[in-house]
N, C-alpha and C. Protein backbone atom coordinates (compact mmCIF):
# COMPACT_ATOMS: atom_id res chain seq x y z
N UNK A 1 23.73 24.26 20.73
CA UNK A 1 23.74 25.72 21.00
C UNK A 1 23.34 26.51 19.93
N UNK A 2 22.39 27.52 20.77
CA UNK A 2 21.83 28.36 19.49
C UNK A 2 22.53 29.63 19.36
N UNK A 3 22.23 30.11 18.12
CA UNK A 3 23.18 31.15 17.48
C UNK A 3 24.38 30.59 17.37
N UNK A 4 25.08 29.54 16.66
CA UNK A 4 26.50 29.02 17.12
C UNK A 4 27.14 30.20 15.50
N UNK A 5 26.66 30.42 14.89
CA UNK A 5 27.31 30.87 13.38
C UNK A 5 26.98 32.25 13.91
N UNK A 6 26.19 33.02 14.66
CA UNK A 6 26.44 34.37 14.64
C UNK A 6 27.77 34.62 16.04
N UNK A 7 27.91 33.70 16.86
CA UNK A 7 28.64 33.62 17.71
C UNK A 7 30.56 33.61 16.77
N UNK A 8 30.26 32.74 15.74
CA UNK A 8 31.71 32.11 15.58
C UNK A 8 31.75 33.82 14.53
N UNK A 9 30.91 34.26 13.77
CA UNK A 9 31.04 35.49 12.87
C UNK A 9 31.61 36.26 14.09
N UNK A 10 31.38 36.86 15.04
CA UNK A 10 31.86 37.52 15.84
C UNK A 10 33.48 37.17 16.23
N UNK A 11 33.22 35.98 16.77
CA UNK A 11 35.07 35.58 17.29
C UNK A 11 35.76 35.34 15.90
N UNK A 12 35.30 35.65 14.93
CA UNK A 12 36.16 35.61 13.64
C UNK A 12 36.79 37.54 13.36
N UNK A 13 36.01 38.26 13.68
CA UNK A 13 36.13 39.41 13.47
C UNK A 13 37.04 40.18 14.57
N UNK A 14 36.56 39.60 15.31
CA UNK A 14 36.97 39.69 16.98
C UNK A 14 38.98 39.76 16.69
N UNK A 15 39.21 38.21 16.17
CA UNK A 15 40.48 37.76 16.14
C UNK A 15 41.20 38.66 14.95
N UNK A 16 40.50 39.12 13.87
CA UNK A 16 40.83 40.20 12.76
C UNK A 16 41.60 41.28 13.78
N UNK A 17 40.16 42.21 14.13
CA UNK A 17 40.94 43.28 14.68
C UNK A 17 41.67 43.51 15.74
N UNK A 18 41.92 42.36 16.65
CA UNK A 18 42.66 41.87 16.99
C UNK A 18 44.27 42.26 17.18
N UNK A 19 44.37 41.84 15.61
CA UNK A 19 45.45 41.40 14.96
C UNK A 19 45.75 41.98 14.33
N UNK A 20 45.40 43.23 13.75
CA UNK A 20 45.60 44.21 12.55
C UNK A 20 45.75 45.44 14.14
N UNK A 21 45.22 45.21 14.76
CA UNK A 21 45.98 46.03 16.28
C UNK A 21 47.30 45.98 16.56
N UNK A 22 47.45 44.47 16.28
CA UNK A 22 48.52 44.06 16.80
C UNK A 22 50.28 44.45 15.78
N UNK A 23 49.56 44.50 14.39
CA UNK A 23 50.37 45.10 13.57
C UNK A 23 50.37 46.79 13.94
N UNK A 24 49.80 47.40 13.91
CA UNK A 24 49.64 49.03 14.08
C UNK A 24 50.60 49.46 16.00
N UNK A 25 50.51 48.08 16.64
CA UNK A 25 50.81 48.63 18.03
C UNK A 25 52.10 48.10 18.09
N UNK A 26 52.92 46.83 17.22
CA UNK A 26 54.39 46.70 17.24
C UNK A 26 55.51 48.31 16.59
N UNK A 27 54.67 48.92 15.84
CA UNK A 27 55.54 49.81 15.06
C UNK A 27 56.16 50.54 15.72
N UNK A 28 55.66 51.11 17.34
CA UNK A 28 56.76 52.08 18.45
C UNK A 28 57.54 50.95 18.18
N UNK A 29 57.51 49.40 18.66
CA UNK A 29 58.59 48.68 19.19
C UNK A 29 59.58 48.52 17.56
N UNK A 30 59.56 48.81 16.84
CA UNK A 30 60.26 48.49 15.86
C UNK A 30 60.93 49.59 15.39
N UNK A 31 60.21 50.71 15.73
CA UNK A 31 61.13 52.24 15.59
C UNK A 31 62.56 52.49 16.25
N UNK A 32 61.52 52.43 17.98
CA UNK A 32 62.68 52.29 19.02
C UNK A 32 63.11 51.39 19.79
N UNK A 33 63.06 49.93 19.33
CA UNK A 33 63.66 48.36 20.12
C UNK A 33 63.33 48.80 21.61
N UNK A 34 62.76 49.60 22.10
CA UNK A 34 62.16 49.87 23.59
C UNK A 34 61.30 48.43 23.98
N UNK A 35 61.49 47.76 25.03
CA UNK A 35 60.69 46.29 25.61
C UNK A 35 59.33 47.39 26.11
N UNK A 36 59.03 48.41 26.43
CA UNK A 36 58.35 48.54 27.26
C UNK A 36 56.78 49.01 26.14
N UNK A 37 57.36 48.94 24.64
CA UNK A 37 56.21 49.11 23.64
C UNK A 37 56.05 47.47 23.23
N UNK A 38 56.25 46.50 23.92
CA UNK A 38 56.07 45.05 23.71
C UNK A 38 53.95 44.74 24.10
N UNK A 39 54.31 45.60 25.63
CA UNK A 39 53.18 44.97 26.28
C UNK A 39 52.01 45.00 25.56
N UNK A 40 51.28 45.98 25.12
CA UNK A 40 50.39 46.25 24.32
C UNK A 40 50.21 45.26 23.34
N UNK A 41 51.07 45.21 21.73
CA UNK A 41 50.51 44.15 21.10
C UNK A 41 50.72 42.58 22.19
N UNK A 42 51.76 42.39 22.05
CA UNK A 42 51.43 40.89 23.17
C UNK A 42 50.25 40.62 23.74
N UNK A 43 49.95 41.71 24.79
CA UNK A 43 47.93 41.49 24.92
C UNK A 43 47.10 41.53 23.82
N UNK A 44 47.23 42.22 23.66
CA UNK A 44 46.20 42.08 22.09
C UNK A 44 46.34 40.99 21.31
N UNK A 45 47.73 40.61 20.96
CA UNK A 45 48.40 39.32 20.40
C UNK A 45 47.39 37.98 20.88
N UNK A 46 47.81 37.94 22.11
CA UNK A 46 47.34 36.73 23.01
C UNK A 46 45.06 37.18 23.01
N UNK A 47 44.77 37.90 23.12
CA UNK A 47 43.25 38.32 22.84
C UNK A 47 43.32 37.50 21.48
N UNK A 48 43.90 38.23 20.31
CA UNK A 48 43.56 37.67 19.41
C UNK A 48 43.38 36.19 18.94
N UNK A 49 44.36 35.34 19.59
CA UNK A 49 44.67 34.20 19.39
C UNK A 49 43.39 33.58 20.86
N UNK A 50 43.11 33.83 21.71
CA UNK A 50 41.34 33.40 22.49
C UNK A 50 40.71 33.64 21.63
N UNK A 51 40.56 34.41 20.90
CA UNK A 51 39.34 34.78 19.85
C UNK A 51 39.57 33.43 18.64
N UNK A 52 40.30 33.34 18.14
CA UNK A 52 40.98 32.57 17.37
C UNK A 52 40.69 31.07 17.82
N UNK A 53 41.13 30.29 19.17
CA UNK A 53 40.42 29.45 19.69
C UNK A 53 39.45 29.38 19.84
N UNK A 54 38.29 30.53 20.03
CA UNK A 54 36.85 30.50 20.56
C UNK A 54 36.08 29.83 18.95
N UNK A 55 36.71 30.35 18.13
CA UNK A 55 36.14 30.29 16.70
C UNK A 55 36.58 28.60 16.06
N UNK A 56 37.42 27.40 16.49
CA UNK A 56 37.73 26.68 16.38
C UNK A 56 36.67 25.94 17.42
N UNK A 57 36.48 26.71 18.44
CA UNK A 57 35.57 25.61 19.91
C UNK A 57 34.49 25.54 19.03
N UNK A 58 33.45 26.49 18.88
CA UNK A 58 32.52 27.00 18.41
C UNK A 58 32.27 26.29 17.01
N UNK A 59 33.16 26.47 16.10
CA UNK A 59 33.42 25.43 14.80
C UNK A 59 32.94 23.72 14.76
N UNK A 60 33.67 23.24 15.70
CA UNK A 60 34.28 21.83 15.34
C UNK A 60 33.83 21.26 17.31
N UNK A 61 33.75 22.17 17.81
CA UNK A 61 33.02 21.33 19.43
C UNK A 61 34.45 20.91 19.96
N UNK A 62 35.59 21.11 19.69
CA UNK A 62 36.65 20.01 20.94
C UNK A 62 36.88 20.99 22.11
N UNK A 63 35.54 20.57 23.23
CA UNK A 63 35.91 21.24 23.55
C UNK A 63 36.19 21.58 24.89
N UNK A 64 36.81 19.66 25.35
CA UNK A 64 37.41 19.67 26.12
C UNK A 64 39.04 20.70 26.69
N UNK A 65 39.63 20.10 25.38
CA UNK A 65 41.11 20.31 25.36
C UNK A 65 40.79 22.09 25.09
N UNK A 66 40.21 22.77 24.13
CA UNK A 66 40.32 24.30 23.90
C UNK A 66 39.72 24.76 24.37
N UNK A 67 38.51 24.16 25.46
CA UNK A 67 37.84 25.55 25.95
C UNK A 67 38.36 26.03 27.52
N UNK A 68 39.52 25.27 27.38
CA UNK A 68 40.40 25.39 28.99
C UNK A 68 41.18 26.35 28.07
N UNK A 69 41.62 26.16 26.81
CA UNK A 69 42.77 26.67 26.13
C UNK A 69 42.33 28.34 25.68
N UNK A 70 41.57 28.32 25.43
CA UNK A 70 40.79 29.90 25.36
C UNK A 70 40.36 30.35 26.42
N UNK A 71 40.11 29.73 27.43
CA UNK A 71 39.66 30.83 28.47
C UNK A 71 41.07 31.37 29.35
N UNK A 72 42.08 30.57 29.42
CA UNK A 72 43.11 30.59 30.16
C UNK A 72 43.74 31.72 29.42
N UNK A 73 44.22 31.81 28.13
CA UNK A 73 44.99 32.68 27.17
C UNK A 73 44.34 33.75 27.40
N UNK A 74 42.72 34.17 27.54
CA UNK A 74 41.99 35.03 27.45
C UNK A 74 42.28 35.95 28.57
N UNK A 75 42.17 35.17 30.01
CA UNK A 75 42.92 35.78 31.16
C UNK A 75 44.00 36.59 31.14
N UNK A 76 45.33 34.93 30.53
CA UNK A 76 46.63 35.75 30.29
C UNK A 76 46.69 36.85 29.51
N UNK A 77 45.84 37.14 28.31
CA UNK A 77 46.26 38.27 27.59
C UNK A 77 45.72 39.59 28.69
N UNK A 78 44.95 39.67 29.64
CA UNK A 78 44.30 40.88 30.19
C UNK A 78 45.56 41.20 31.65
N UNK A 79 46.04 39.76 31.71
CA UNK A 79 47.30 40.32 32.85
C UNK A 79 48.10 40.83 32.11
N UNK A 80 48.69 40.47 30.79
CA UNK A 80 50.00 41.43 30.57
C UNK A 80 49.24 42.65 30.53
N UNK A 81 48.22 43.22 30.02
CA UNK A 81 47.42 44.36 29.46
C UNK A 81 48.12 45.43 30.67
N UNK A 82 47.30 44.59 31.97
CA UNK A 82 47.23 45.33 33.38
C UNK A 82 49.11 45.54 33.63
N UNK A 83 49.35 44.63 33.79
CA UNK A 83 50.87 44.79 34.11
C UNK A 83 51.30 45.84 33.09
N UNK A 84 51.56 45.48 31.73
CA UNK A 84 52.17 46.76 30.94
C UNK A 84 51.47 48.13 31.20
N UNK A 85 50.36 48.10 31.83
CA UNK A 85 50.13 49.84 32.40
C UNK A 85 50.49 50.09 33.50
N UNK A 86 50.81 49.17 34.16
CA UNK A 86 51.28 49.07 35.65
C UNK A 86 52.85 49.90 35.55
N UNK A 87 53.70 49.43 34.50
CA UNK A 87 55.12 49.75 34.00
C UNK A 87 55.27 50.23 33.07
N UNK A 88 54.25 51.40 32.79
CA UNK A 88 53.99 51.91 32.07
C UNK A 88 54.50 53.32 31.98
N UNK A 89 54.73 54.38 33.22
CA UNK A 89 55.58 55.27 33.77
C UNK A 89 56.25 55.36 34.36
N UNK A 90 56.79 53.79 34.45
CA UNK A 90 58.20 53.60 35.11
C UNK A 90 59.31 54.19 34.71
N UNK A 91 60.62 53.99 35.41
CA UNK A 91 61.83 54.28 35.63
C UNK A 91 62.82 53.63 34.92
N UNK A 92 63.84 53.75 34.53
CA UNK A 92 64.74 52.72 33.95
C UNK A 92 65.23 51.67 34.27
N UNK A 93 65.24 51.22 35.88
CA UNK A 93 65.62 50.77 36.88
C UNK A 93 64.15 49.66 36.57
N UNK A 94 63.00 49.98 37.07
CA UNK A 94 61.80 49.29 36.79
C UNK A 94 61.75 48.47 35.17
N UNK A 95 61.61 49.78 34.56
CA UNK A 95 61.72 48.81 33.17
C UNK A 95 62.40 47.46 32.69
N UNK A 96 63.64 47.48 33.79
CA UNK A 96 64.57 45.71 33.76
C UNK A 96 64.04 45.12 34.27
N UNK A 97 62.68 45.63 35.01
CA UNK A 97 62.26 44.71 36.54
C UNK A 97 60.93 44.42 35.15
N UNK A 98 60.64 44.98 34.18
CA UNK A 98 59.18 44.41 33.24
C UNK A 98 59.93 43.84 32.38
N UNK A 99 61.00 44.12 32.03
CA UNK A 99 62.15 42.57 30.96
C UNK A 99 62.08 41.33 31.83
N UNK A 100 61.87 41.04 32.94
CA UNK A 100 62.30 40.01 33.62
C UNK A 100 61.05 39.68 33.94
N UNK A 101 60.22 40.05 34.43
CA UNK A 101 58.91 40.07 34.45
C UNK A 101 58.11 39.42 32.95
N UNK A 102 58.45 40.13 31.88
CA UNK A 102 57.79 39.98 30.11
C UNK A 102 58.71 38.42 30.28
N UNK A 103 59.67 38.11 30.56
CA UNK A 103 60.35 36.81 30.23
C UNK A 103 59.74 35.50 31.04
N UNK A 104 59.36 36.16 32.45
CA UNK A 104 58.79 35.17 33.16
C UNK A 104 57.53 34.72 32.85
N UNK A 105 56.61 35.56 32.35
CA UNK A 105 55.15 35.83 31.64
C UNK A 105 55.28 34.46 30.86
N UNK A 106 56.32 34.56 30.10
CA UNK A 106 56.25 33.80 28.63
C UNK A 106 56.51 32.39 29.07
N UNK A 107 57.33 32.07 30.28
CA UNK A 107 57.81 30.57 30.80
C UNK A 107 56.41 30.34 31.44
N UNK A 108 55.70 31.08 32.23
CA UNK A 108 54.69 30.73 32.84
C UNK A 108 53.70 30.44 31.77
N UNK A 109 53.48 30.93 30.75
CA UNK A 109 51.94 30.87 29.69
C UNK A 109 52.68 29.76 29.50
N UNK A 110 53.87 28.84 28.69
CA UNK A 110 54.17 27.60 28.32
C UNK A 110 53.70 27.07 28.62
N UNK A 111 54.40 26.96 30.56
CA UNK A 111 54.03 26.01 31.28
C UNK A 111 52.74 25.59 31.18
N UNK A 112 52.23 26.93 31.61
CA UNK A 112 50.26 26.70 32.20
C UNK A 112 49.18 25.46 30.94
N UNK A 113 50.01 26.58 29.82
CA UNK A 113 49.14 25.89 28.25
C UNK A 113 49.66 24.18 28.52
N UNK A 114 50.49 24.02 28.94
CA UNK A 114 50.67 22.53 28.76
C UNK A 114 50.09 21.58 29.55
N UNK A 115 49.78 22.41 30.59
CA UNK A 115 49.26 21.79 31.84
C UNK A 115 47.94 21.70 31.53
N UNK A 116 46.93 22.98 30.82
CA UNK A 116 45.76 23.09 31.05
C UNK A 116 45.05 21.83 29.43
N UNK A 117 45.90 21.85 28.63
CA UNK A 117 45.42 21.15 27.52
C UNK A 117 45.80 19.55 28.35
N UNK A 118 46.90 18.77 28.87
CA UNK A 118 46.76 17.71 29.61
C UNK A 118 46.00 17.48 30.55
N UNK A 119 45.57 18.37 31.40
CA UNK A 119 45.32 18.06 32.79
C UNK A 119 43.71 18.06 32.18
N UNK A 120 42.84 19.67 31.21
CA UNK A 120 41.47 19.79 31.18
C UNK A 120 40.35 18.61 30.99
N UNK A 121 40.92 17.70 29.90
CA UNK A 121 40.20 16.33 29.74
C UNK A 121 39.49 15.77 30.83
N UNK A 122 40.52 15.40 31.67
CA UNK A 122 39.77 15.31 33.62
C UNK A 122 38.83 15.48 34.14
N UNK A 123 38.72 17.64 33.10
CA UNK A 123 37.81 18.17 34.94
C UNK A 123 36.65 17.95 34.60
N UNK A 124 35.77 18.51 35.52
CA UNK A 124 33.99 17.65 34.55
C UNK A 124 34.24 19.86 34.82
N UNK A 125 32.79 19.80 34.07
CA UNK A 125 32.26 20.76 33.54
C UNK A 125 31.95 22.01 33.99
N UNK A 126 30.86 21.09 35.79
CA UNK A 126 30.85 22.37 36.97
C UNK A 126 32.61 22.63 37.72
N UNK A 127 33.61 22.35 37.29
CA UNK A 127 34.73 22.56 37.44
C UNK A 127 35.27 23.73 36.68
N UNK A 128 35.61 23.67 35.65
CA UNK A 128 35.12 24.29 34.35
C UNK A 128 34.68 26.12 34.76
N UNK A 129 32.76 25.53 34.70
CA UNK A 129 32.49 26.57 35.16
C UNK A 129 32.98 27.62 36.21
N UNK A 130 33.10 26.78 37.28
CA UNK A 130 33.63 27.82 38.21
C UNK A 130 35.54 28.49 37.88
N UNK A 131 36.08 27.63 37.40
CA UNK A 131 37.37 28.37 36.57
C UNK A 131 36.59 29.28 35.36
N UNK A 132 35.98 29.35 35.08
CA UNK A 132 35.51 30.22 34.15
C UNK A 132 34.96 31.35 34.78
N UNK A 133 34.32 31.55 35.65
CA UNK A 133 33.37 32.35 36.72
C UNK A 133 35.18 33.30 37.31
N UNK A 134 35.88 32.24 37.92
CA UNK A 134 37.27 32.67 38.83
C UNK A 134 37.78 33.87 37.89
N UNK A 135 38.31 33.13 36.14
CA UNK A 135 38.95 34.09 35.30
C UNK A 135 38.45 35.07 34.77
N UNK A 136 37.47 35.21 34.79
CA UNK A 136 36.55 36.14 33.92
C UNK A 136 36.35 37.36 35.00
N UNK A 137 36.46 36.90 36.55
CA UNK A 137 36.36 37.84 37.62
C UNK A 137 37.59 38.45 37.84
N UNK A 138 38.86 37.74 37.61
CA UNK A 138 39.72 38.01 37.70
C UNK A 138 40.23 39.18 36.74
N UNK A 139 40.29 38.75 35.53
CA UNK A 139 40.13 39.70 33.96
C UNK A 139 38.89 40.94 34.23
N UNK A 140 38.25 40.69 34.85
CA UNK A 140 37.46 42.24 35.67
C UNK A 140 38.32 42.98 35.88
N UNK A 141 38.48 42.69 37.52
CA UNK A 141 39.58 43.53 38.21
C UNK A 141 40.52 44.21 37.31
N UNK A 142 41.17 43.31 36.33
CA UNK A 142 42.20 43.73 36.08
C UNK A 142 42.11 45.17 34.85
N UNK A 143 41.43 44.89 34.25
CA UNK A 143 40.46 45.75 32.68
C UNK A 143 40.27 47.15 34.19
N UNK A 144 39.50 46.74 35.56
CA UNK A 144 39.33 47.86 36.35
C UNK A 144 40.76 48.39 36.64
N UNK A 145 41.65 47.88 36.53
CA UNK A 145 42.56 48.43 37.20
C UNK A 145 43.23 49.47 35.84
N UNK A 146 43.51 48.95 34.92
CA UNK A 146 43.67 49.80 33.75
C UNK A 146 42.97 51.00 33.68
N UNK A 147 41.45 51.02 33.66
CA UNK A 147 40.58 51.95 33.32
C UNK A 147 41.11 53.28 34.34
N UNK A 148 40.89 52.90 35.74
CA UNK A 148 41.59 53.96 36.61
C UNK A 148 42.70 54.41 36.79
N UNK A 149 44.24 53.17 36.29
CA UNK A 149 45.51 53.63 35.47
C UNK A 149 45.37 55.28 34.65
N UNK A 150 44.46 54.61 33.63
CA UNK A 150 44.58 55.89 32.34
C UNK A 150 43.94 56.99 32.46
N UNK A 151 42.71 56.85 33.42
CA UNK A 151 41.64 58.31 33.98
C UNK A 151 42.72 58.96 34.93
N UNK A 152 43.50 58.28 36.10
CA UNK A 152 44.30 58.71 36.69
C UNK A 152 45.19 59.87 36.43
N UNK A 153 45.88 58.96 35.39
CA UNK A 153 47.02 59.83 35.33
C UNK A 153 47.08 61.01 34.09
N UNK A 154 45.94 61.20 33.16
CA UNK A 154 45.79 61.76 31.83
C UNK A 154 44.40 61.97 31.85
N UNK A 155 42.88 62.81 32.61
CA UNK A 155 41.99 62.86 32.66
C UNK A 155 41.62 63.89 31.17
N UNK A 156 42.65 64.61 30.87
CA UNK A 156 42.02 65.62 30.00
C UNK A 156 42.53 65.03 28.53
N UNK A 157 43.00 64.32 28.32
CA UNK A 157 43.53 63.82 26.61
C UNK A 157 42.85 63.04 25.97
N UNK A 158 42.28 63.45 24.90
CA UNK A 158 40.89 62.94 24.36
C UNK A 158 41.38 61.24 24.07
N UNK A 159 42.98 61.06 23.74
CA UNK A 159 42.78 59.98 23.50
C UNK A 159 43.31 58.73 24.83
N UNK A 160 43.24 59.53 25.50
CA UNK A 160 43.27 58.66 27.07
C UNK A 160 41.82 58.32 27.32
N UNK A 161 41.57 59.00 27.34
CA UNK A 161 39.95 58.89 27.33
C UNK A 161 39.50 57.85 26.49
N UNK A 162 39.75 58.81 25.25
CA UNK A 162 38.99 57.32 24.07
C UNK A 162 39.73 55.94 24.61
N UNK A 163 40.87 55.67 25.08
CA UNK A 163 40.96 54.17 25.69
C UNK A 163 40.49 53.75 26.78
N UNK A 164 40.86 54.83 27.30
CA UNK A 164 39.30 54.34 28.88
C UNK A 164 38.39 53.79 28.25
N UNK A 165 37.68 54.38 27.19
CA UNK A 165 36.31 54.15 26.91
C UNK A 165 36.39 52.12 26.30
N UNK A 166 37.28 51.80 25.94
CA UNK A 166 37.51 50.73 25.51
C UNK A 166 37.73 49.78 26.27
N UNK A 167 38.33 50.26 27.05
CA UNK A 167 38.49 49.33 28.09
C UNK A 167 37.38 48.86 29.06
N UNK A 168 36.49 49.93 29.25
CA UNK A 168 35.18 50.18 29.35
C UNK A 168 34.17 49.31 28.94
N UNK A 169 33.96 49.23 27.66
CA UNK A 169 33.47 48.23 27.12
C UNK A 169 34.16 46.68 26.87
N UNK A 170 34.98 46.75 27.30
CA UNK A 170 35.75 45.12 27.69
C UNK A 170 34.99 44.75 28.70
N UNK A 171 35.17 45.80 29.96
CA UNK A 171 35.12 45.13 31.73
C UNK A 171 32.96 45.16 30.84
N UNK A 172 32.73 45.74 30.47
CA UNK A 172 30.94 45.68 30.47
C UNK A 172 31.19 44.07 29.75
N UNK A 173 31.44 43.32 28.80
CA UNK A 173 31.54 42.41 27.92
C UNK A 173 31.98 41.50 29.32
N UNK A 174 33.32 41.64 30.14
CA UNK A 174 33.28 40.08 31.12
C UNK A 174 32.32 39.72 32.05
N UNK A 175 32.00 41.31 32.44
CA UNK A 175 30.42 40.72 33.03
C UNK A 175 29.75 40.71 32.87
N UNK A 176 29.27 40.75 31.63
CA UNK A 176 28.44 40.08 30.93
C UNK A 176 28.84 38.61 30.72
N UNK A 177 29.33 38.31 30.65
CA UNK A 177 29.90 37.07 30.28
C UNK A 177 29.90 35.92 31.81
N UNK A 178 30.10 36.74 32.81
CA UNK A 178 29.79 36.14 34.10
C UNK A 178 28.31 35.63 34.29
N UNK A 179 27.39 36.89 33.51
CA UNK A 179 26.31 37.05 33.85
C UNK A 179 25.35 35.52 32.85
N UNK A 180 26.32 35.22 32.12
CA UNK A 180 26.52 34.23 30.98
C UNK A 180 25.91 32.74 31.60
N UNK A 181 27.06 32.43 32.28
CA UNK A 181 27.97 31.87 32.59
C UNK A 181 26.98 31.40 34.03
N UNK A 182 26.08 32.15 35.14
CA UNK A 182 25.26 32.05 36.24
C UNK A 182 23.93 31.78 35.22
N UNK A 183 23.79 32.70 34.34
CA UNK A 183 22.10 32.23 33.98
C UNK A 183 21.89 31.70 33.05
N UNK A 184 22.44 32.00 31.89
CA UNK A 184 22.66 31.19 30.64
C UNK A 184 21.90 32.31 29.58
N UNK A 185 21.60 33.33 29.73
CA UNK A 185 21.35 34.50 29.05
C UNK A 185 22.01 35.12 27.72
N UNK A 186 21.25 34.63 26.64
CA UNK A 186 21.96 34.74 25.02
C UNK A 186 21.66 36.75 25.41
N UNK A 187 20.61 37.30 25.85
CA UNK A 187 21.02 38.27 25.75
C UNK A 187 22.12 39.39 26.70
N UNK A 188 22.29 38.67 27.93
CA UNK A 188 23.82 38.70 28.24
C UNK A 188 24.80 38.51 27.86
N UNK A 189 24.81 37.22 26.95
CA UNK A 189 25.81 36.54 26.06
C UNK A 189 26.28 37.41 24.83
N UNK A 190 25.66 37.84 23.73
CA UNK A 190 25.07 38.99 22.96
C UNK A 190 25.51 39.82 23.26
N UNK A 191 25.30 40.60 23.89
CA UNK A 191 24.98 41.60 24.41
C UNK A 191 26.60 42.02 25.08
N UNK A 192 27.22 41.06 25.61
CA UNK A 192 29.00 40.92 26.06
C UNK A 192 29.49 40.98 24.65
N UNK A 193 29.14 40.70 23.90
CA UNK A 193 30.24 40.26 22.56
C UNK A 193 29.67 41.58 21.67
N UNK A 194 28.57 41.84 21.42
CA UNK A 194 28.36 43.54 20.79
C UNK A 194 29.03 44.72 21.54
N UNK A 195 29.47 44.33 22.77
CA UNK A 195 30.33 45.80 23.45
C UNK A 195 31.39 45.09 23.58
N UNK A 196 32.03 43.79 22.94
CA UNK A 196 33.47 43.53 22.73
C UNK A 196 33.89 44.54 21.17
N UNK A 197 33.18 43.92 20.56
CA UNK A 197 33.25 44.68 18.94
C UNK A 197 33.39 46.19 19.19
N UNK A 198 32.25 47.08 19.90
CA UNK A 198 32.45 48.09 20.13
C UNK A 198 33.63 48.77 21.12
N UNK A 199 34.57 47.96 21.63
CA UNK A 199 36.25 48.84 22.40
C UNK A 199 37.14 48.39 21.31
N UNK A 200 36.80 47.12 20.50
CA UNK A 200 37.92 46.47 19.71
C UNK A 200 37.79 48.13 18.37
N UNK A 201 36.40 48.29 17.74
CA UNK A 201 36.55 49.34 17.09
C UNK A 201 37.01 50.40 17.56
N UNK A 202 37.02 50.61 18.70
CA UNK A 202 37.47 52.03 19.32
C UNK A 202 39.23 52.12 19.57
N UNK A 203 39.47 51.12 19.86
CA UNK A 203 41.08 50.74 20.01
C UNK A 203 41.65 50.79 18.34
N UNK A 204 40.67 50.01 17.34
CA UNK A 204 41.28 50.60 16.13
C UNK A 204 41.22 51.96 15.46
N UNK A 205 40.61 52.80 16.02
CA UNK A 205 40.45 53.94 15.76
C UNK A 205 41.26 54.92 16.56
N UNK A 206 42.05 54.37 17.57
CA UNK A 206 43.22 55.17 18.21
C UNK A 206 44.14 55.15 17.34
N UNK A 207 44.22 53.87 17.65
CA UNK A 207 45.56 53.42 16.70
C UNK A 207 45.90 54.05 15.48
N UNK A 208 45.02 53.82 14.79
CA UNK A 208 45.31 54.69 13.64
C UNK A 208 45.28 56.20 13.31
N UNK A 209 44.15 56.50 14.64
CA UNK A 209 44.65 58.16 14.47
C UNK A 209 45.96 58.35 15.03
N UNK A 210 46.16 57.92 15.77
CA UNK A 210 48.22 57.88 16.27
C UNK A 210 48.64 57.56 15.27
N UNK A 211 48.85 56.67 14.65
CA UNK A 211 49.89 55.92 13.26
C UNK A 211 50.01 57.15 12.28
N UNK A 212 48.21 57.52 12.05
CA UNK A 212 48.37 58.15 10.10
C UNK A 212 47.91 59.26 10.74
N UNK A 213 47.12 60.17 11.68
CA UNK A 213 46.34 60.67 11.92
C UNK A 213 46.87 62.51 11.63
N UNK A 214 47.97 62.38 11.78
CA UNK A 214 49.19 63.55 11.48
C UNK A 214 49.54 63.58 10.30
N UNK A 215 49.62 62.61 9.29
CA UNK A 215 49.97 62.18 7.51
C UNK A 215 48.73 62.74 7.05
N UNK A 216 47.07 62.37 7.68
CA UNK A 216 45.77 62.32 7.05
C UNK A 216 45.70 63.97 7.27
N UNK A 217 46.10 64.99 8.26
CA UNK A 217 46.24 66.14 8.43
C UNK A 217 46.52 67.03 7.47
N UNK A 218 47.81 66.24 7.47
CA UNK A 218 49.22 67.23 6.69
C UNK A 218 48.92 66.95 4.84
N UNK A 219 48.13 65.94 4.39
CA UNK A 219 47.81 65.84 3.33
C UNK A 219 46.37 66.55 2.70
N UNK A 220 45.34 67.21 3.85
CA UNK A 220 44.61 67.75 4.05
C UNK A 220 44.54 69.16 3.86
C-alpha cells in the first residue's frame, strides 16, 4: 500500500487526540457522577481505540482479525455518540433508559468483538468490502443525525455551531472513505483523513475552551 507511513502517522495523531478528548470530556462526570456525561467520552474513547487498531493494522499488516475490529469499533463509536445526543435532552425517566441502553451496548460490544475476532479470518475480502461500505454508510447517517440534532436545538450558540462543524468534518471523512473503498482513490483517502484531523482539532479547541476558557479570561 502506498503512503503507508503517512497513513500510520495520521492514525497515531488521531488516536492521541481522541484520548486527550476523553480526558477532557470525563471531567463533568467526575464532578457530578451523572451517567449522561459518559456518552461523549465513551464514544471518543472507542474512536481512539479504533485509530489505535488502525495503526497496528497498517504497521504490521495483521489484516484478517484487526481490520474487522477496527471497522466494527469505529462504527460502534458513532452509534454511541448518536445515542448520546438522542438522550442529551432527556428527562429523568429517559435517563434511566439511557443507563440501561449503555449497559446493553457494553454487552453487545463485548459479544460482537469476540464474534468478529473469531469469524473474520474466515470471511472473504469482498465480504469485508461490503461490510466496510455498510458500516461507513451507517456511520455517515449517525453523524448526520448528530449534526441535525445539534443545530436544531441551538443554532445561535457558538459552541454548538463549532461542534456541528466538527461532526460535519467527520461526516465528510466517512463519505471520503466510501469513495476510497469504491474507487481506491488516494485523494479521497487522504482528503478524508485531513478532514478527520480538522474535526479533532475543532473538538479539542471546544473542550479546552469549555474547561479552561473562563479561567484564562479571568487571568487575563
